[in-house]
Amino acid sequence: MPDRASREQRPCNQCQPRGTAMKFRYLLSTMTILGTFAALSPALAQTVDVQHYWTSSSESKAMNTIADSFKERGGKWIDSPSADFDAALAAATSRIAGGQPPSAILMTPSSALRDLASSGQLRDFDDLAAKGGWQKVMAPIVWDKLNVDGHLVALPVGVHAQNWVWYSKPVLEKLKISEPKTFDELFAAADKIKASGGIGIATGGEPWQQVGILYSVFLALGGPEYWNELIVKRSPEALKSPVLTQAFDIFRKVSTYADPASPGRSWNDTTNLVVTDKAGFQFMGDWARGEFLAAGKVAGKDFGCFLTPAEKPGYAILIDVFAFPVNTDDDRIKGQTLLADSIMEPAVQETIAEVKGSVPSRTDVDTSKLDTCAQIGSKALATPGAAVQAAYDALAGDLNGQVTDLAGQFWTDKSMTTQAAVESFSNILQSE
């Protein structure tokens, strides 16, 4: 979500584990008790203090793209990185409560963002959006996620999708394996790779990575319409569908390819197994593409990609955004405005997509120079009805945490039946 894995369970860079929303509400209540912010100490003109969690190779390049553009415009950048999403969020909310808010927080348009905005802790950019015509250059599903109570409270730095499969071209070519079009073909290819001594499907041993695979299978089997009924609306009828049983069976099948070193392995270390041709495939969001690019690999030559096999492909989007806490210092406010302009610059959005693996947030960015995988993503985002909210954004944090726990249990406990998993999943989605 590596980010994007770093948290939101996407990475757990993109994750929003159970309890995050609750922690937010507690901190916001604390801020209400405290009353008002403490006065900020004088700051240099156009200075920004940026709280973020982009620390992998590709993520650092993307953050540097923003920072360099900002500094070229005359701004002073103070970098405040954290190990992951949770750490960044905890640091930011603590600073807000203490009266020393950062200028910007990297996060996702989740319940945490909505809580901050609804409590009046975030600056809006309605004026700049109107002046720059930003709504006209964003897909509606993206624009809607950036607005809370009718106000633009976050700016996008890229659109990712969760439901991708990545593969090593040399591994497949050596074994004369064509790009799989179905799950059956994918498993047959993985078996052939395993028989040759390689890792058929590289999987990381972290619950957020595991549940990401499960969500991808839900979308692949059911399609966008079913996904919206199941995850967004949590329809009782959708919970009765045989798709759930089929999805958990496929998920269990994927788990059988986990190698001995899988437990606890990070998403990017897992991606590196495919990058170095030690593994054939990996289910992972398109932030993984940034790791291939950082290693000097070329899409279509060294690695390939496809959306999780489906008759009606969906595109489960995760949006990286910057939110801007209310500041009272004029120089910091000017810095926020300058940073907003830098983030929304088309050339900056294009470069971020090139180095991180995302798709530009702006639809007017020239994508002709992006690689084949980015082209697939851009086309999917522009296809009516294909783009859907990823579960990390569509479900409340507590529900996400429970589903993540369930996926991790089902992955590791082979005695747990598919029927039991389906029943547990249905109970979780109907619990709120």
Protein backbone atom coordinates (compact mmCIF):
# COMPACT_ATOMS: atom_id res chain seq x y z
CA MET A 1 0.00 0.00 0.00
CA PRO A 2 5.65 -0.72 0.68
CA ASP A 3 4.70 1.77 0.94
CA ARG A 4 3.12 1.62 0.05
CA ALA A 5 4.38 -1.15 1.40
CA SER A 6 5.00 0.26 4.33
CA ARG A 7 1.76 0.14 5.60
CA GLU A 8 -1.38 -0.24 4.47
CA GLN A 9 -0.83 -3.47 4.54
CA ARG A 10 0.21 -3.07 1.14
CA PRO A 11 3.26 -2.48 1.79
CA CYS A 12 2.97 -2.37 4.82
CA ASN A 13 3.89 0.54 3.36
CA GLN A 14 0.31 0.74 2.52
CA CYS A 15 -1.37 -0.77 5.27
CA GLN A 16 -3.89 0.15 7.68
CA PRO A 17 -3.91 -2.53 10.30
CA ARG A 18 -6.54 -3.06 12.89
CA GLY A 19 -6.54 -0.42 15.56
CA THR A 20 -5.12 2.45 13.50
CA ALA A 21 -8.46 4.26 13.22
CA MET A 22 -9.04 3.74 16.94
CA LYS A 23 -5.62 5.22 17.75
CA PHE A 24 -6.41 8.19 15.54
CA ARG A 25 -9.70 8.88 17.27
CA TYR A 26 -7.98 8.69 20.64
CA LEU A 27 -5.31 11.16 19.58
CA LEU A 28 -7.90 13.49 18.09
CA SER A 29 -9.82 13.41 21.35
CA THR A 30 -6.60 14.26 23.15
CA MET A 31 -6.10 17.21 20.85
CA THR A 32 -9.59 18.45 21.64
CA ILE A 33 -8.76 18.32 25.33
CA LEU A 34 -5.52 20.15 24.79
CA GLY A 35 -7.50 22.86 23.05
CA THR A 36 -5.37 24.69 20.53
CA PHE A 37 -1.99 24.14 18.99
CA ALA A 38 1.07 25.59 20.63
CA ALA A 39 2.65 28.44 18.70
CA LEU A 40 5.22 27.26 16.24
CA SER A 41 8.77 28.54 16.41
CA PRO A 42 9.85 30.78 13.54
CA ALA A 43 10.73 28.85 10.40
CA LEU A 44 12.59 29.67 7.25
CA ALA A 45 10.52 30.82 4.31
CA GLN A 46 8.96 28.04 2.27
CA THR A 47 10.24 25.29 4.53
CA VAL A 48 8.49 21.94 4.69
CA ASP A 49 9.00 19.15 7.21
CA VAL A 50 7.83 15.96 5.48
CA GLN A 51 6.82 12.86 7.47
CA HIS A 52 6.95 9.76 5.26
CA TYR A 53 7.81 6.06 5.06
CA TRP A 54 9.23 5.68 1.57
CA THR A 55 12.56 4.05 2.31
CA SER A 56 13.09 1.29 -0.28
CA SER A 57 15.27 2.02 -3.30
CA SER A 58 12.46 2.86 -5.68
CA GLU A 59 10.48 4.74 -3.04
CA SER A 60 13.48 6.90 -2.15
CA LYS A 61 13.91 7.83 -5.80
CA ALA A 62 10.27 8.86 -5.98
CA MET A 63 10.51 10.97 -2.82
CA ASN A 64 13.69 12.59 -4.09
CA THR A 65 11.85 13.52 -7.28
CA ILE A 66 9.37 15.53 -5.25
CA ALA A 67 12.05 17.00 -2.97
CA ASP A 68 14.27 18.05 -5.88
CA SER A 69 11.40 19.78 -7.66
CA PHE A 70 10.46 21.58 -4.46
CA LYS A 71 14.03 22.73 -3.79
CA GLU A 72 14.45 23.89 -7.38
CA ARG A 73 11.50 26.20 -6.76
CA GLY A 74 13.30 27.76 -3.81
CA GLY A 75 11.99 25.64 -0.96
CA LYS A 76 13.84 24.13 1.99
CA TRP A 77 13.11 20.42 2.53
CA ILE A 78 13.39 18.72 5.93
CA ASP A 79 13.19 14.94 5.56
CA SER A 80 11.51 13.01 8.39
CA PRO A 81 11.43 9.34 7.35
CA SER A 82 10.01 6.51 9.44
CA ALA A 83 10.48 2.76 9.17
CA ASP A 84 6.94 2.08 8.03
CA PHE A 85 3.44 3.48 7.73
CA ASP A 86 2.46 2.90 11.35
CA ALA A 87 5.60 4.58 12.66
CA ALA A 88 5.13 7.58 10.37
CA LEU A 89 1.49 7.94 11.35
CA ALA A 90 2.26 7.67 15.06
CA ALA A 91 5.01 10.27 14.78
CA ALA A 92 2.82 12.66 12.81
CA THR A 93 -0.18 12.42 15.13
CA SER A 94 2.05 12.84 18.17
CA ARG A 95 3.55 15.97 16.68
CA ILE A 96 0.12 17.34 15.86
CA ALA A 97 -1.05 16.71 19.43
CA GLY A 98 2.08 18.42 20.74
CA GLY A 99 1.59 21.54 18.66
CA GLN A 100 4.48 20.87 16.26
CA PRO A 101 2.75 19.38 13.20
CA PRO A 102 4.78 18.33 10.18
CA SER A 103 4.12 20.27 7.00
CA ALA A 104 3.03 17.15 5.12
CA ILE A 105 2.27 13.52 5.88
CA LEU A 106 2.53 10.72 3.35
CA MET A 107 -0.47 8.43 3.81
CA THR A 108 -3.45 6.94 1.99
CA PRO A 109 -7.08 8.12 1.69
CA SER A 110 -8.25 5.88 4.52
CA SER A 111 -10.33 6.31 7.66
CA ALA A 112 -7.29 7.88 9.31
CA LEU A 113 -7.27 10.66 6.72
CA ARG A 114 -11.01 11.16 7.10
CA ASP A 115 -10.71 11.40 10.88
CA LEU A 116 -8.03 14.06 10.64
CA ALA A 117 -9.95 16.05 8.03
CA SER A 118 -13.30 15.85 9.82
CA SER A 119 -11.71 17.16 13.02
CA GLY A 120 -10.33 20.19 11.21
CA GLN A 121 -6.68 19.20 11.43
CA LEU A 122 -5.94 19.30 7.69
CA ARG A 123 -5.56 22.20 5.30
CA ASP A 124 -7.67 22.07 2.16
CA PHE A 125 -6.55 23.01 -1.33
CA ASP A 126 -9.87 23.93 -2.87
CA ASP A 127 -8.49 27.26 -4.11
CA LEU A 128 -5.47 25.77 -5.82
CA ALA A 129 -7.57 22.96 -7.29
CA ALA A 130 -10.01 25.42 -8.83
CA LYS A 131 -7.18 27.55 -10.19
CA GLY A 132 -5.31 24.58 -11.64
CA GLY A 133 -8.37 22.67 -12.89
CA TRP A 134 -7.20 19.58 -11.00
CA GLN A 135 -10.56 17.84 -10.89
CA LYS A 136 -10.69 17.77 -14.69
CA VAL A 137 -7.38 15.90 -14.92
CA MET A 138 -8.13 13.11 -12.44
CA ALA A 139 -10.15 9.93 -12.75
CA PRO A 140 -13.38 10.35 -10.72
CA ILE A 141 -12.52 7.42 -8.44
CA VAL A 142 -9.24 9.15 -7.57
CA TRP A 143 -10.76 12.60 -7.07
CA ASP A 144 -13.49 11.27 -4.80
CA LYS A 145 -10.94 9.64 -2.48
CA LEU A 146 -9.11 12.95 -2.01
CA ASN A 147 -12.16 14.85 -0.83
CA VAL A 148 -13.72 14.82 2.63
CA ASP A 149 -16.92 16.74 3.34
CA GLY A 150 -16.63 18.44 -0.03
CA HIS A 151 -13.08 19.70 0.45
CA LEU A 152 -9.84 18.60 -1.22
CA VAL A 153 -7.72 17.54 1.77
CA ALA A 154 -5.07 15.38 0.10
CA LEU A 155 -2.94 15.50 -3.03
CA PRO A 156 -2.08 12.33 -4.99
CA VAL A 157 1.49 11.35 -5.79
CA GLY A 158 0.62 8.23 -7.75
CA VAL A 159 -1.94 5.51 -8.29
CA HIS A 160 -1.00 1.92 -7.58
CA ALA A 161 -2.95 -1.26 -8.06
CA GLN A 162 -2.72 -4.27 -5.82
CA ASN A 163 -3.74 -7.12 -8.12
CA TRP A 164 -0.61 -7.74 -10.22
CA VAL A 165 1.53 -10.78 -10.93
CA TRP A 166 5.22 -10.28 -11.81
CA TYR A 167 7.50 -12.79 -13.46
CA SER A 168 11.06 -13.38 -14.58
CA LYS A 169 11.32 -13.44 -18.36
CA PRO A 170 14.60 -15.44 -18.33
CA VAL A 171 13.09 -18.13 -16.09
CA LEU A 172 10.01 -18.55 -18.27
CA GLU A 173 11.98 -18.44 -21.51
CA LYS A 174 14.47 -21.05 -20.30
CA LEU A 175 11.63 -23.45 -19.50
CA LYS A 176 9.62 -22.46 -22.59
CA ILE A 177 6.69 -21.20 -20.51
CA SER A 178 4.25 -18.72 -22.00
CA GLU A 179 2.68 -15.95 -19.93
CA PRO A 180 -0.19 -17.58 -18.00
CA LYS A 181 -3.74 -16.52 -18.82
CA THR A 182 -5.53 -18.51 -16.11
CA PHE A 183 -4.84 -19.71 -12.59
CA ASP A 184 -4.49 -23.28 -13.87
CA GLU A 185 -1.81 -22.16 -16.32
CA LEU A 186 -0.10 -20.15 -13.58
CA PHE A 187 0.07 -23.13 -11.24
CA ALA A 188 1.26 -25.43 -14.04
CA ALA A 189 4.06 -22.97 -14.81
CA ALA A 190 4.96 -22.66 -11.11
CA ASP A 191 5.13 -26.45 -10.82
CA LYS A 192 7.49 -26.62 -13.79
CA ILE A 193 9.74 -23.96 -12.26
CA LYS A 194 9.74 -25.73 -8.91
CA ALA A 195 10.64 -29.01 -10.58
CA SER A 196 13.63 -27.29 -12.21
CA GLY A 197 14.96 -26.24 -8.81
CA GLY A 198 13.59 -22.69 -8.64
CA ILE A 199 10.87 -21.07 -6.58
CA GLY A 200 7.60 -21.28 -8.46
CA ILE A 201 5.78 -18.44 -6.72
CA ALA A 202 7.74 -16.20 -4.37
CA THR A 203 5.69 -15.26 -1.31
CA GLY A 204 6.58 -13.11 1.66
CA GLY A 205 5.69 -14.37 5.11
CA GLU A 206 3.90 -11.29 6.37
CA PRO A 207 0.10 -11.23 6.85
CA TRP A 208 -0.39 -8.07 4.79
CA GLN A 209 1.31 -9.74 1.83
CA GLN A 210 -0.82 -12.83 2.23
CA VAL A 211 -4.14 -11.03 2.46
CA GLY A 212 -3.15 -9.03 -0.62
CA ILE A 213 -3.09 -12.27 -2.58
CA LEU A 214 -6.50 -13.26 -1.23
CA TYR A 215 -8.01 -9.92 -2.20
CA SER A 216 -6.50 -10.21 -5.67
CA VAL A 217 -8.12 -13.63 -6.13
CA PHE A 218 -11.51 -12.29 -5.00
CA LEU A 219 -11.34 -9.59 -7.67
CA ALA A 220 -10.06 -11.94 -10.37
CA LEU A 221 -12.79 -14.52 -9.87
CA GLY A 222 -15.68 -12.16 -9.25
CA GLY A 223 -14.83 -9.16 -11.41
CA PRO A 224 -15.28 -5.46 -10.56
CA GLU A 225 -19.06 -5.61 -10.08
CA TYR A 226 -18.87 -8.49 -7.62
CA TRP A 227 -15.96 -6.82 -5.84
CA ASN A 228 -18.01 -3.69 -5.23
CA GLU A 229 -20.87 -5.77 -3.85
CA LEU A 230 -18.56 -7.81 -1.64
CA ILE A 231 -15.95 -5.36 -0.36
CA VAL A 232 -17.47 -1.91 -0.80
CA LYS A 233 -21.14 -2.65 -0.05
CA ARG A 234 -20.59 -5.86 1.95
CA SER A 235 -23.77 -7.28 0.45
CA PRO A 236 -25.19 -10.38 2.21
CA GLU A 237 -25.93 -11.89 -1.21
CA ALA A 238 -22.30 -11.49 -2.30
CA LEU A 239 -21.22 -13.37 0.82
CA LYS A 240 -23.28 -16.36 -0.32
CA SER A 241 -21.49 -16.59 -3.67
CA PRO A 242 -19.39 -19.69 -4.51
CA VAL A 243 -16.66 -17.23 -5.51
CA LEU A 244 -15.55 -17.12 -1.87
CA THR A 245 -15.00 -20.86 -1.67
CA GLN A 246 -13.13 -20.88 -4.97
CA ALA A 247 -10.99 -17.94 -3.87
CA PHE A 248 -9.94 -19.52 -0.58
CA ASP A 249 -9.09 -22.75 -2.40
CA ILE A 250 -6.84 -20.89 -4.83
CA PHE A 251 -5.33 -18.91 -1.97
CA ARG A 252 -4.50 -22.16 -0.17
CA LYS A 253 -2.91 -23.46 -3.38
CA VAL A 254 -0.67 -20.39 -3.61
CA SER A 255 0.44 -20.93 -0.02
CA THR A 256 1.89 -24.34 -0.93
CA TYR A 257 4.60 -22.63 -3.00
CA ALA A 258 6.05 -20.76 0.01
CA ASP A 259 9.75 -21.60 0.32
CA PRO A 260 11.45 -22.27 3.69
CA ALA A 261 12.79 -18.71 3.92
CA SER A 262 9.36 -17.14 3.33
CA PRO A 263 8.27 -16.51 6.96
CA GLY A 264 8.82 -12.86 7.88
CA ARG A 265 10.40 -11.95 4.53
CA SER A 266 9.69 -8.41 3.34
CA TRP A 267 7.87 -7.66 0.13
CA ASN A 268 10.90 -6.10 -1.57
CA ASP A 269 13.22 -8.96 -0.58
CA THR A 270 10.61 -11.29 -2.04
CA THR A 271 10.47 -9.23 -5.22
CA ASN A 272 14.26 -9.49 -5.42
CA LEU A 273 13.92 -13.26 -5.84
CA VAL A 274 12.14 -12.61 -9.13
CA VAL A 275 14.49 -9.77 -10.04
CA THR A 276 17.47 -12.13 -9.68
CA ASP A 277 15.71 -15.01 -11.49
CA LYS A 278 15.59 -17.22 -8.41
CA ALA A 279 11.78 -17.31 -8.58
CA GLY A 280 9.29 -17.34 -11.40
CA PHE A 281 6.31 -15.35 -10.14
CA GLN A 282 5.16 -13.00 -7.38
CA PHE A 283 1.72 -11.64 -6.51
CA MET A 284 2.33 -8.02 -5.50
CA GLY A 285 1.13 -4.49 -6.13
CA ASP A 286 2.84 -2.49 -8.82
CA TRP A 287 5.22 -0.84 -6.38
CA ALA A 288 7.17 -4.03 -7.11
CA ARG A 289 7.87 -2.66 -10.58
CA GLY A 290 9.92 0.07 -8.98
CA GLU A 291 12.26 -2.56 -7.53
CA PHE A 292 12.81 -4.09 -10.98
CA LEU A 293 13.53 -0.65 -12.41
CA ALA A 294 15.88 0.23 -9.55
CA ALA A 295 17.84 -2.93 -10.38
CA GLY A 296 18.21 -1.80 -13.98
CA LYS A 297 15.69 -4.29 -15.36
CA VAL A 298 13.54 -3.53 -18.40
CA ALA A 299 9.85 -4.42 -18.65
CA GLY A 300 9.15 -6.80 -21.51
CA LYS A 301 12.80 -7.83 -21.67
CA ASP A 302 13.88 -8.82 -18.16
CA PHE A 303 10.52 -9.08 -16.47
CA GLY A 304 6.86 -9.33 -17.36
CA CYS A 305 3.59 -8.46 -15.67
CA PHE A 306 -0.14 -9.10 -15.88
CA LEU A 307 -3.20 -8.37 -13.81
CA THR A 308 -4.36 -11.38 -11.78
CA PRO A 309 -5.98 -13.76 -14.33
CA ALA A 310 -9.64 -12.87 -14.87
CA GLU A 311 -12.37 -12.93 -17.49
CA LYS A 312 -13.29 -9.38 -16.49
CA PRO A 313 -10.09 -7.79 -15.17
CA GLY A 314 -10.42 -5.27 -12.38
CA TYR A 315 -7.92 -2.72 -11.14
CA ALA A 316 -7.82 -2.43 -7.34
CA ILE A 317 -6.30 0.98 -6.80
CA LEU A 318 -4.33 2.31 -3.88
CA ILE A 319 -3.49 5.99 -3.88
CA ASP A 320 -0.43 7.50 -2.25
CA VAL A 321 -1.27 10.98 -1.01
CA PHE A 322 0.16 13.85 0.95
CA ALA A 323 -2.04 15.40 3.62
CA PHE A 324 -1.11 18.79 5.03
CA PRO A 325 -1.73 19.43 8.76
CA VAL A 326 -2.92 22.90 9.68
CA ASN A 327 0.05 25.15 10.44
CA THR A 328 -0.07 28.64 11.93
CA ASP A 329 3.32 29.85 10.74
CA ASP A 330 3.13 31.87 7.52
CA ASP A 331 6.43 30.56 6.19
CA ARG A 332 5.33 26.95 6.70
CA ILE A 333 2.04 27.69 4.99
CA LYS A 334 3.91 29.13 2.00
CA GLY A 335 6.06 26.01 1.98
CA GLN A 336 2.97 23.82 1.87
CA THR A 337 1.63 25.76 -1.11
CA LEU A 338 4.93 25.44 -2.95
CA LEU A 339 5.04 21.71 -2.20
CA ALA A 340 1.46 21.30 -3.47
CA ASP A 341 2.42 22.92 -6.76
CA SER A 342 5.48 20.67 -7.02
CA ILE A 343 3.46 17.49 -6.39
CA MET A 344 0.86 18.35 -8.99
CA GLU A 345 3.40 19.24 -11.69
CA PRO A 346 2.81 16.80 -14.62
CA ALA A 347 6.54 16.23 -15.15
CA VAL A 348 6.95 15.28 -11.48
CA GLN A 349 4.02 12.86 -11.65
CA GLU A 350 5.50 11.26 -14.76
CA THR A 351 8.92 10.78 -13.15
CA ILE A 352 7.40 9.30 -9.99
CA ALA A 353 5.58 6.76 -12.13
CA GLU A 354 8.78 5.93 -14.00
CA VAL A 355 10.83 5.18 -10.88
CA LYS A 356 8.24 3.80 -8.47
CA GLY A 357 6.01 1.66 -10.64
CA SER A 358 2.83 3.65 -10.21
CA VAL A 359 0.48 5.23 -12.73
CA PRO A 360 0.32 9.05 -12.84
CA SER A 361 -2.52 10.56 -10.83
CA ARG A 362 -3.15 13.11 -13.58
CA THR A 363 -4.80 11.83 -16.73
CA ASP A 364 -3.15 14.55 -18.83
CA VAL A 365 0.36 13.20 -18.22
CA ASP A 366 2.03 11.77 -21.31
CA THR A 367 2.29 8.04 -20.63
CA SER A 368 3.77 7.11 -24.02
CA LYS A 369 7.26 7.00 -22.52
CA LEU A 370 6.25 4.67 -19.70
CA ASP A 371 7.00 0.96 -20.00
CA THR A 372 4.61 -1.81 -20.99
CA CYS A 373 3.50 -2.54 -17.44
CA ALA A 374 2.67 1.10 -16.77
CA GLN A 375 0.79 1.18 -20.06
CA ILE A 376 -1.36 -1.74 -18.90
CA GLY A 377 -2.08 0.09 -15.65
CA SER A 378 -2.90 3.39 -17.34
CA LYS A 379 -5.28 1.65 -19.72
CA ALA A 380 -7.01 -0.18 -16.86
CA LEU A 381 -7.43 3.04 -14.86
CA ALA A 382 -9.01 4.70 -17.90
CA THR A 383 -11.37 1.77 -18.61
CA PRO A 384 -14.89 2.57 -17.33
CA GLY A 385 -15.87 0.27 -14.48
CA ALA A 386 -12.50 -1.48 -14.20
CA ALA A 387 -11.01 0.55 -11.37
CA VAL A 388 -12.25 -0.30 -7.88
CA GLN A 389 -11.24 0.69 -4.38
CA ALA A 390 -8.66 -1.62 -2.88
CA ALA A 391 -9.84 -3.29 0.31
CA TYR A 392 -7.37 -1.29 2.38
CA ASP A 393 -9.31 1.87 1.51
CA ALA A 394 -12.78 0.39 1.17
CA LEU A 395 -12.86 -1.42 4.53
CA ALA A 396 -12.51 0.19 7.92
CA GLY A 397 -9.19 -0.41 9.64
CA ASP A 398 -10.62 -2.85 12.18
CA LEU A 399 -12.23 -4.96 9.47
CA ASN A 400 -9.03 -4.98 7.46
CA GLY A 401 -7.13 -6.12 10.50
CA GLN A 402 -9.51 -9.00 11.12
CA VAL A 403 -9.42 -10.16 7.50
CA THR A 404 -5.63 -9.92 7.56
CA ASP A 405 -5.51 -12.07 10.68
CA LEU A 406 -7.83 -14.60 9.06
CA ALA A 407 -5.73 -14.77 5.89
CA GLY A 408 -2.57 -15.30 7.93
CA GLN A 409 -4.21 -18.06 9.95
CA PHE A 410 -5.56 -19.84 6.88
CA TRP A 411 -2.18 -19.53 5.16
CA THR A 412 -0.23 -21.15 7.99
CA ASP A 413 -2.79 -23.49 9.58
CA LYS A 414 -3.42 -26.21 7.02
CA SER A 415 -5.96 -27.84 9.32
CA MET A 416 -8.32 -24.88 8.89
CA THR A 417 -10.93 -25.78 6.29
CA THR A 418 -12.08 -23.61 3.43
CA GLN A 419 -15.62 -23.70 4.82
CA ALA A 420 -14.40 -22.41 8.18
CA ALA A 421 -12.45 -19.64 6.48
CA VAL A 422 -15.45 -18.56 4.40
CA GLU A 423 -17.68 -18.51 7.48
CA SER A 424 -15.15 -16.45 9.41
CA PHE A 425 -14.74 -14.02 6.51
CA SER A 426 -18.53 -13.59 6.23
CA ASN A 427 -18.84 -12.96 9.94
CA ILE A 428 -16.12 -10.31 9.83
CA LEU A 429 -17.72 -8.39 6.96
CA GLN A 430 -21.11 -8.47 8.66
CA SER A 431 -19.77 -7.45 12.07
CA GLU A 432 -20.18 -3.71 11.49
